[in-house]
């Protein structure tokens, strides 16, 4: 995309909840190996769970999870599972998920 002059673009995910993403391509890395699929070079934080209510619902969810005394804490933990950590991010797991998805395509 950088070659074409496009370095910024917008992406909407989940039209019901309207997750608006502004993407910026900062640089193009040299090709290490030829792959016919996208790869994950880096990232931050785990993606929000499906159907959490968009950006506002996710912020509320994070507040509930951070407060064990919150009346909805136990219910939300049960819904997400005890192992849900919003700060957990592993590029290797994302890359494996991309590889599995694009090998089926």
C-alpha atoms as a PDB file:
ATOM      1  CA  UNK A   1       0.000   0.000   0.000  1.00  0.00           C
ATOM      2  CA  UNK A   2       2.839   2.394   0.682  1.00  0.00           C
ATOM      3  CA  UNK A   3       3.925   2.081  -2.955  1.00  0.00           C
ATOM      4  CA  UNK A   4       0.460   3.249  -4.004  1.00  0.00           C
ATOM      5  CA  UNK A   5       0.694   6.239  -1.670  1.00  0.00           C
ATOM      6  CA  UNK A   6      -1.932   4.933   0.763  1.00  0.00           C
ATOM      7  CA  UNK A   7      -0.608   5.066   4.316  1.00  0.00           C
ATOM      8  CA  UNK A   8      -3.839   5.654   6.253  1.00  0.00           C
ATOM      9  CA  UNK A   9      -7.225   4.022   5.950  1.00  0.00           C
ATOM     10  CA  UNK A  10     -10.308   3.263   8.014  1.00  0.00           C
ATOM     11  CA  UNK A  11     -11.838  -0.109   8.717  1.00  0.00           C
ATOM     12  CA  UNK A  12     -15.218  -0.859  10.306  1.00  0.00           C
ATOM     13  CA  UNK A  13     -15.632  -4.191  12.054  1.00  0.00           C
ATOM     14  CA  UNK A  14     -18.987  -5.587  13.200  1.00  0.00           C
ATOM     15  CA  UNK A  15     -21.422  -3.134  11.668  1.00  0.00           C
ATOM     16  CA  UNK A  16     -23.868  -3.722  14.538  1.00  0.00           C
ATOM     17  CA  UNK A  17     -21.391  -2.540  17.178  1.00  0.00           C
ATOM     18  CA  UNK A  18     -19.386  -0.301  14.802  1.00  0.00           C
ATOM     19  CA  UNK A  19     -15.804  -0.866  15.832  1.00  0.00           C
ATOM     20  CA  UNK A  20     -14.072   1.903  13.887  1.00  0.00           C
ATOM     21  CA  UNK A  21     -10.348   1.342  13.313  1.00  0.00           C
ATOM     22  CA  UNK A  22      -7.957   3.953  11.957  1.00  0.00           C
ATOM     23  CA  UNK A  23      -4.933   2.178  10.501  1.00  0.00           C
ATOM     24  CA  UNK A  24      -1.600   3.775   9.796  1.00  0.00           C
ATOM     25  CA  UNK A  25       1.113   2.009   7.825  1.00  0.00           C
ATOM     26  CA  UNK A  26       4.331   3.328   9.295  1.00  0.00           C
ATOM     27  CA  UNK A  27       6.835   1.440   7.203  1.00  0.00           C
ATOM     28  CA  UNK A  28       7.240  -1.485   4.912  1.00  0.00           C
ATOM     29  CA  UNK A  29       9.429  -4.247   6.281  1.00  0.00           C
ATOM     30  CA  UNK A  30      11.732  -6.239   4.027  1.00  0.00           C
ATOM     31  CA  UNK A  31      10.358  -9.536   2.821  1.00  0.00           C
ATOM     32  CA  UNK A  32      11.848 -12.371   4.853  1.00  0.00           C
ATOM     33  CA  UNK A  33      10.016 -15.225   3.182  1.00  0.00           C
ATOM     34  CA  UNK A  34       7.320 -15.408   0.575  1.00  0.00           C
ATOM     35  CA  UNK A  35       3.953 -16.186   2.109  1.00  0.00           C
ATOM     36  CA  UNK A  36       0.559 -16.128   0.489  1.00  0.00           C
ATOM     37  CA  UNK A  37      -1.148 -14.951   3.677  1.00  0.00           C
ATOM     38  CA  UNK A  38      -0.967 -12.029   6.070  1.00  0.00           C
ATOM     39  CA  UNK A  39       1.210 -12.302   9.163  1.00  0.00           C
ATOM     40  CA  UNK A  40       1.236 -10.558  12.521  1.00  0.00           C
ATOM     41  CA  UNK A  41       4.383  -8.555  13.207  1.00  0.00           C
ATOM     42  CA  UNK A  42       3.263  -6.982  16.502  1.00  0.00           C
ATOM     43  CA  UNK A  43       0.252  -5.855  18.461  1.00  0.00           C
ATOM     44  CA  UNK A  44      -1.093  -4.742  21.782  1.00  0.00           C
ATOM     45  CA  UNK A  45      -3.911  -6.129  23.925  1.00  0.00           C
ATOM     46  CA  UNK A  46      -6.263  -8.990  23.210  1.00  0.00           C
ATOM     47  CA  UNK A  47      -9.189  -8.355  20.898  1.00  0.00           C
ATOM     48  CA  UNK A  48     -12.511  -7.671  22.601  1.00  0.00           C
ATOM     49  CA  UNK A  49     -14.953 -10.562  22.841  1.00  0.00           C
ATOM     50  CA  UNK A  50     -17.753 -10.781  20.297  1.00  0.00           C
ATOM     51  CA  UNK A  51     -21.002  -9.027  21.110  1.00  0.00           C
ATOM     52  CA  UNK A  52     -19.643  -7.016  24.026  1.00  0.00           C
ATOM     53  CA  UNK A  53     -21.476  -3.871  22.896  1.00  0.00           C
ATOM     54  CA  UNK A  54     -18.943  -2.026  20.797  1.00  0.00           C
ATOM     55  CA  UNK A  55     -16.237   0.287  22.165  1.00  0.00           C
ATOM     56  CA  UNK A  56     -18.492   1.625  24.927  1.00  0.00           C
ATOM     57  CA  UNK A  57     -19.600  -1.834  26.006  1.00  0.00           C
ATOM     58  CA  UNK A  58     -16.002  -3.027  26.039  1.00  0.00           C
ATOM     59  CA  UNK A  59     -14.924  -0.138  28.249  1.00  0.00           C
ATOM     60  CA  UNK A  60     -17.755  -0.988  30.631  1.00  0.00           C
ATOM     61  CA  UNK A  61     -16.726  -4.660  30.560  1.00  0.00           C
ATOM     62  CA  UNK A  62     -13.144  -3.721  31.475  1.00  0.00           C
ATOM     63  CA  UNK A  63     -14.421  -1.668  34.413  1.00  0.00           C
ATOM     64  CA  UNK A  64     -16.551  -4.577  35.649  1.00  0.00           C
ATOM     65  CA  UNK A  65     -13.654  -7.039  35.345  1.00  0.00           C
ATOM     66  CA  UNK A  66     -11.315  -4.705  37.239  1.00  0.00           C
ATOM     67  CA  UNK A  67     -13.707  -4.515  40.209  1.00  0.00           C
ATOM     68  CA  UNK A  68     -14.350  -7.871  41.938  1.00  0.00           C
ATOM     69  CA  UNK A  69     -16.986  -6.135  44.108  1.00  0.00           C
ATOM     70  CA  UNK A  70     -19.008  -5.043  41.058  1.00  0.00           C
ATOM     71  CA  UNK A  71     -22.467  -6.707  41.052  1.00  0.00           C
ATOM     72  CA  UNK A  72     -21.921  -8.053  37.501  1.00  0.00           C
ATOM     73  CA  UNK A  73     -18.320  -9.222  37.993  1.00  0.00           C
ATOM     74  CA  UNK A  74     -19.077 -12.930  38.558  1.00  0.00           C
ATOM     75  CA  UNK A  75     -21.553 -13.073  35.665  1.00  0.00           C
ATOM     76  CA  UNK A  76     -19.131 -11.441  33.216  1.00  0.00           C
ATOM     77  CA  UNK A  77     -16.265 -13.676  34.384  1.00  0.00           C
ATOM     78  CA  UNK A  78     -18.452 -16.730  33.795  1.00  0.00           C
ATOM     79  CA  UNK A  79     -19.350 -15.465  30.306  1.00  0.00           C
ATOM     80  CA  UNK A  80     -15.732 -14.789  29.347  1.00  0.00           C
ATOM     81  CA  UNK A  81     -14.019 -17.560  31.261  1.00  0.00           C
ATOM     82  CA  UNK A  82     -11.543 -17.097  34.070  1.00  0.00           C
ATOM     83  CA  UNK A  83      -8.563 -16.981  31.699  1.00  0.00           C
ATOM     84  CA  UNK A  84      -9.690 -13.849  29.808  1.00  0.00           C
ATOM     85  CA  UNK A  85      -7.003 -11.187  30.237  1.00  0.00           C
ATOM     86  CA  UNK A  86      -7.518  -8.041  28.122  1.00  0.00           C
ATOM     87  CA  UNK A  87      -3.785  -7.265  28.259  1.00  0.00           C
ATOM     88  CA  UNK A  88      -2.753 -10.673  26.960  1.00  0.00           C
ATOM     89  CA  UNK A  89      -1.375 -10.529  23.420  1.00  0.00           C
ATOM     90  CA  UNK A  90       0.755 -13.127  21.723  1.00  0.00           C
ATOM     91  CA  UNK A  91       1.733 -12.455  18.090  1.00  0.00           C
ATOM     92  CA  UNK A  92       2.623 -16.127  17.590  1.00  0.00           C
ATOM     93  CA  UNK A  93      -0.948 -17.161  18.452  1.00  0.00           C
ATOM     94  CA  UNK A  94      -2.356 -14.509  16.115  1.00  0.00           C
ATOM     95  CA  UNK A  95      -0.008 -15.655  13.358  1.00  0.00           C
ATOM     96  CA  UNK A  96      -1.049 -19.302  13.863  1.00  0.00           C
ATOM     97  CA  UNK A  97      -4.712 -18.262  13.709  1.00  0.00           C
ATOM     98  CA  UNK A  98      -4.093 -16.362  10.460  1.00  0.00           C
ATOM     99  CA  UNK A  99      -2.228 -19.339   9.002  1.00  0.00           C
ATOM    100  CA  UNK A 100      -5.077 -21.706   9.879  1.00  0.00           C
ATOM    101  CA  UNK A 101      -7.700 -19.363   8.459  1.00  0.00           C
ATOM    102  CA  UNK A 102      -5.897 -18.693   5.190  1.00  0.00           C
ATOM    103  CA  UNK A 103      -4.975 -22.344   4.644  1.00  0.00           C
ATOM    104  CA  UNK A 104      -8.741 -23.076   4.496  1.00  0.00           C
ATOM    105  CA  UNK A 105      -9.489 -20.234   2.094  1.00  0.00           C
END
